[in-house]
Amino acid sequence: MTCRILVLISGSGTNLQALIDSLQAHPDKGQIVAVISNRPQALGLERARNAGLNALALDNRDYPDRESYDQALIEQIDRFRPDLVLLAGFMRILTEQFVSHYRGFLLNIHPSLLPKYKGLNTHQRVLDSGDSEHGSTVHFVTQELDGGPLILQASIQVLSDDTPASLATRVQQQEHNLYPLVMHWFIQGRLRLVDDQACLDGQAIPPAGLRLEDFNNDMREDPYAS
């Protein structure tokens, strides 16, 4: 059975594009049934339309509070009966009601090596702290902001001449390998949340998550390769 995937975005949708491109090689495995943005002018919506996908805007400014917006968002999402909901640069703090509704099949990608630097401005915070390593993390979403069980991380070295912009560019390049691989693990039934623990192939993932560099290039390029 084809996995039905829904993607939530707020911006340009580069991770969305990576997911779209990755699924093109395996259309029988997973299908993006809709892309929803809280910002009507988000470039990612145009990416979705160019790929022939359902692209919807649900502007959070039209709602009086976070709870009413999330309830409306749930109603929109559930129309598409997704098996997996991916946050791909969705710049909203989600309510407990929303997170509980999609528990176990709601994933997020965050531009830091969690648990470091939850929240915003991660690239500047890495430079301010003098870190030698930076990266991105895919995790299950829970009520704690950027605090759900970690799944997979990709890292880069921080260079002496790096700026927030250069770090963002290089981290984003890693994300385009990171998120599709995790998505395909879920599609294959290999990745699940069991009793608040992220598990791959029935084994608990360490609290610090797995590292992308531990998986060979063949697996990154084709997660279905034997």
Protein backbone atom coordinates (compact mmCIF):
# COMPACT_ATOMS: atom_id res chain seq x y z
CA MET A 1 0.00 0.00 0.00
CA THR A 2 1.29 3.45 -0.92
CA CYS A 3 2.15 5.67 2.05
CA ARG A 4 0.15 8.92 1.99
CA ILE A 5 2.37 11.86 2.99
CA LEU A 6 1.40 15.43 3.82
CA VAL A 7 4.00 18.18 4.11
CA LEU A 8 3.66 21.42 6.10
CA ILE A 9 5.81 24.41 5.08
CA SER A 10 6.22 28.11 5.70
CA GLY A 11 8.95 29.16 3.29
CA SER A 12 10.84 28.35 0.12
CA GLY A 13 10.37 24.60 0.33
CA THR A 14 13.86 23.32 -0.47
CA ASN A 15 13.36 20.32 1.80
CA LEU A 16 9.97 19.79 0.20
CA GLN A 17 11.70 19.68 -3.19
CA ALA A 18 14.16 17.08 -1.90
CA LEU A 19 11.26 14.94 -0.71
CA ILE A 20 9.46 15.31 -4.05
CA ASP A 21 12.61 14.38 -5.98
CA SER A 22 13.27 11.37 -3.77
CA LEU A 23 9.77 10.00 -4.23
CA GLN A 24 9.93 10.24 -8.02
CA ALA A 25 12.10 7.12 -8.12
CA HIS A 26 9.60 5.19 -5.97
CA PRO A 27 6.07 6.43 -6.78
CA ASP A 28 4.61 3.08 -5.73
CA LYS A 29 6.05 3.44 -2.21
CA GLY A 30 5.02 6.94 -1.15
CA GLN A 31 2.93 9.82 -2.45
CA ILE A 32 2.72 13.41 -1.28
CA VAL A 33 -1.04 13.94 -1.17
CA ALA A 34 -0.91 17.63 -0.21
CA VAL A 35 1.32 20.52 0.81
CA ILE A 36 -0.09 23.10 3.23
CA SER A 37 1.48 26.42 4.22
CA ASN A 38 0.53 28.94 6.87
CA ARG A 39 1.92 31.64 4.56
CA PRO A 40 -0.03 32.12 1.30
CA GLN A 41 2.99 33.57 -0.53
CA ALA A 42 5.38 30.75 0.40
CA LEU A 43 7.52 29.76 -2.57
CA GLY A 44 7.16 26.14 -1.54
CA LEU A 45 3.52 26.21 -2.65
CA GLU A 46 4.69 27.02 -6.17
CA ARG A 47 7.12 24.10 -6.00
CA ALA A 48 4.22 21.85 -5.05
CA ARG A 49 2.03 23.10 -7.89
CA ASN A 50 4.88 22.65 -10.36
CA ALA A 51 5.06 19.02 -9.25
CA GLY A 52 1.33 18.57 -9.76
CA LEU A 53 0.57 18.35 -6.04
CA ASN A 54 -2.33 19.72 -4.04
CA ALA A 55 -1.07 23.04 -2.64
CA LEU A 56 -3.12 24.84 -0.01
CA ALA A 57 -2.64 27.94 2.11
CA LEU A 58 -4.19 28.25 5.54
CA ASP A 59 -3.15 31.66 6.82
CA ASN A 60 -2.65 31.71 10.58
CA ARG A 61 -3.38 35.45 10.58
CA ASP A 62 -7.03 34.63 9.86
CA TYR A 63 -7.45 32.95 13.25
CA PRO A 64 -7.71 34.59 16.68
CA ASP A 65 -5.43 32.18 18.53
CA ARG A 66 -3.13 29.20 18.17
CA GLU A 67 -5.77 26.69 19.26
CA SER A 68 -8.34 27.69 16.66
CA TYR A 69 -5.73 27.69 13.91
CA ASP A 70 -4.45 24.25 14.81
CA GLN A 71 -7.99 22.88 14.90
CA ALA A 72 -8.62 24.25 11.40
CA LEU A 73 -5.30 22.81 10.26
CA ILE A 74 -6.20 19.38 11.64
CA GLU A 75 -9.45 19.48 9.69
CA GLN A 76 -7.61 20.34 6.47
CA ILE A 77 -4.95 17.68 6.98
CA ASP A 78 -7.42 14.93 7.84
CA ARG A 79 -9.24 15.44 4.54
CA PHE A 80 -6.21 13.83 2.89
CA ARG A 81 -5.97 10.84 5.31
CA PRO A 82 -2.17 10.97 5.65
CA ASP A 83 -0.09 8.13 7.02
CA LEU A 84 2.82 10.53 7.66
CA VAL A 85 2.95 14.27 8.33
CA LEU A 86 6.28 16.02 7.71
CA LEU A 87 7.16 19.47 9.03
CA ALA A 88 9.56 20.95 6.48
CA GLY A 89 10.33 24.46 7.65
CA PHE A 90 6.89 24.94 9.22
CA MET A 91 7.50 27.93 11.46
CA ARG A 92 4.75 27.42 14.00
CA ILE A 93 4.76 26.23 17.60
CA LEU A 94 2.15 23.49 17.63
CA THR A 95 -0.47 22.99 20.31
CA GLU A 96 -0.66 19.86 22.45
CA GLN A 97 -3.93 19.00 20.72
CA PHE A 98 -2.24 18.99 17.30
CA VAL A 99 0.79 16.99 18.40
CA SER A 100 -1.34 14.40 20.20
CA HIS A 101 -3.60 14.00 17.17
CA TYR A 102 -0.66 12.96 14.97
CA ARG A 103 1.43 11.21 17.57
CA GLY A 104 3.76 8.64 16.06
CA PHE A 105 3.53 9.87 12.49
CA LEU A 106 4.57 13.52 12.84
CA LEU A 107 8.23 14.30 12.06
CA ASN A 108 10.27 17.51 12.01
CA ILE A 109 13.67 18.58 10.70
CA HIS A 110 15.56 21.13 12.80
CA PRO A 111 18.77 23.00 11.83
CA SER A 112 20.96 22.05 14.78
CA LEU A 113 22.46 18.98 16.39
CA LEU A 114 19.73 18.54 18.96
CA PRO A 115 19.46 18.73 21.88
CA LYS A 116 21.65 21.79 21.26
CA TYR A 117 20.02 25.01 20.08
CA LYS A 118 16.32 24.37 20.14
CA GLY A 119 14.25 27.16 18.63
CA LEU A 120 15.40 29.89 16.26
CA ASN A 121 18.67 31.51 15.08
CA THR A 122 20.61 28.27 15.38
CA HIS A 123 23.42 29.23 12.98
CA GLN A 124 24.28 32.44 14.81
CA ARG A 125 24.11 30.66 18.15
CA VAL A 126 26.59 28.04 16.93
CA LEU A 127 29.04 30.79 15.92
CA ASP A 128 28.52 32.70 19.18
CA SER A 129 29.32 29.54 21.15
CA GLY A 130 32.46 28.76 19.15
CA ASP A 131 31.30 25.27 18.25
CA SER A 132 33.43 23.24 15.86
CA GLU A 133 30.47 21.17 14.61
CA HIS A 134 26.98 22.02 13.43
CA GLY A 135 24.24 20.17 11.60
CA SER A 136 20.61 19.13 11.42
CA THR A 137 18.33 16.62 13.12
CA VAL A 138 15.17 14.73 12.18
CA HIS A 139 13.02 13.81 15.17
CA PHE A 140 9.56 12.72 16.18
CA VAL A 141 7.45 15.65 17.33
CA THR A 142 6.23 15.79 20.91
CA GLN A 143 4.80 18.55 23.08
CA GLU A 144 8.31 19.77 23.94
CA LEU A 145 9.60 22.24 21.34
CA ASP A 146 12.30 20.48 19.26
CA GLY A 147 12.46 17.94 22.06
CA GLY A 148 10.99 14.73 20.64
CA PRO A 149 12.97 11.48 20.26
CA LEU A 150 15.89 11.94 17.88
CA ILE A 151 16.13 9.80 14.75
CA LEU A 152 18.97 10.88 12.47
CA GLN A 153 21.52 13.71 12.37
CA ALA A 154 23.85 15.07 9.71
CA SER A 155 26.86 17.16 10.72
CA ILE A 156 29.25 19.65 9.14
CA GLN A 157 32.45 21.24 10.40
CA VAL A 158 32.31 24.92 11.32
CA LEU A 159 34.98 26.80 9.37
CA SER A 160 36.91 29.82 10.61
CA ASP A 161 35.31 32.11 8.01
CA ASP A 162 31.75 30.79 8.34
CA THR A 163 28.82 33.17 8.65
CA PRO A 164 25.21 32.34 9.55
CA ALA A 165 24.43 32.38 5.83
CA SER A 166 27.23 30.01 4.84
CA LEU A 167 26.36 27.64 7.66
CA ALA A 168 22.70 27.69 6.63
CA THR A 169 23.62 26.79 3.05
CA ARG A 170 25.80 23.85 4.03
CA VAL A 171 23.42 22.54 6.66
CA GLN A 172 20.59 22.72 4.15
CA GLN A 173 22.59 20.64 1.67
CA GLN A 174 22.87 17.92 4.30
CA GLU A 175 19.17 18.16 5.09
CA HIS A 176 18.32 17.26 1.51
CA ASN A 177 19.93 13.85 2.10
CA LEU A 178 18.76 13.50 5.69
CA TYR A 179 15.01 14.01 5.47
CA PRO A 180 14.29 11.80 2.42
CA LEU A 181 16.16 8.88 4.00
CA VAL A 182 14.15 9.11 7.22
CA MET A 183 10.93 9.47 5.22
CA HIS A 184 11.70 6.26 3.33
CA TRP A 185 12.47 4.43 6.59
CA PHE A 186 8.97 5.32 7.75
CA ILE A 187 7.43 4.32 4.42
CA GLN A 188 9.16 0.93 4.64
CA GLY A 189 7.78 0.35 8.14
CA ARG A 190 11.30 0.35 9.57
CA LEU A 191 10.87 3.53 11.66
CA ARG A 192 8.29 3.73 14.42
CA LEU A 193 7.66 5.49 17.73
CA VAL A 194 7.16 2.89 20.45
CA ASP A 195 6.42 4.01 24.02
CA ASP A 196 8.07 7.41 23.45
CA GLN A 197 11.14 5.72 21.96
CA ALA A 198 12.23 6.07 18.33
CA CYS A 199 12.91 2.61 16.92
CA LEU A 200 14.56 1.49 13.67
CA ASP A 201 14.12 -2.12 12.58
CA GLY A 202 12.67 -2.92 15.99
CA GLN A 203 15.72 -1.61 17.85
CA ALA A 204 15.70 1.49 20.03
CA ILE A 205 17.60 4.41 18.52
CA PRO A 206 20.10 5.87 21.01
CA PRO A 207 18.95 9.09 22.72
CA ALA A 208 21.55 11.05 20.74
CA GLY A 209 20.14 9.71 17.47
CA LEU A 210 21.89 8.04 14.53
CA ARG A 211 24.41 9.78 12.24
CA LEU A 212 23.98 10.06 8.49
CA GLU A 213 27.67 9.47 7.90
CA ASP A 214 27.24 5.94 9.28
CA PHE A 215 25.09 5.03 6.28
CA ASN A 216 26.75 4.43 2.93
CA ASN A 217 26.08 6.52 -0.17
CA ASP A 218 24.15 3.74 -1.91
CA MET A 219 21.62 3.66 0.91
CA ARG A 220 21.27 7.45 0.88
CA GLU A 221 20.74 7.52 -2.87
CA ASP A 222 18.36 4.53 -2.92
CA PRO A 223 16.93 3.49 0.45
CA TYR A 224 15.40 0.42 -1.21
CA ALA A 225 18.70 -0.94 -2.48
CA SER A 226 19.51 -4.31 -1.00
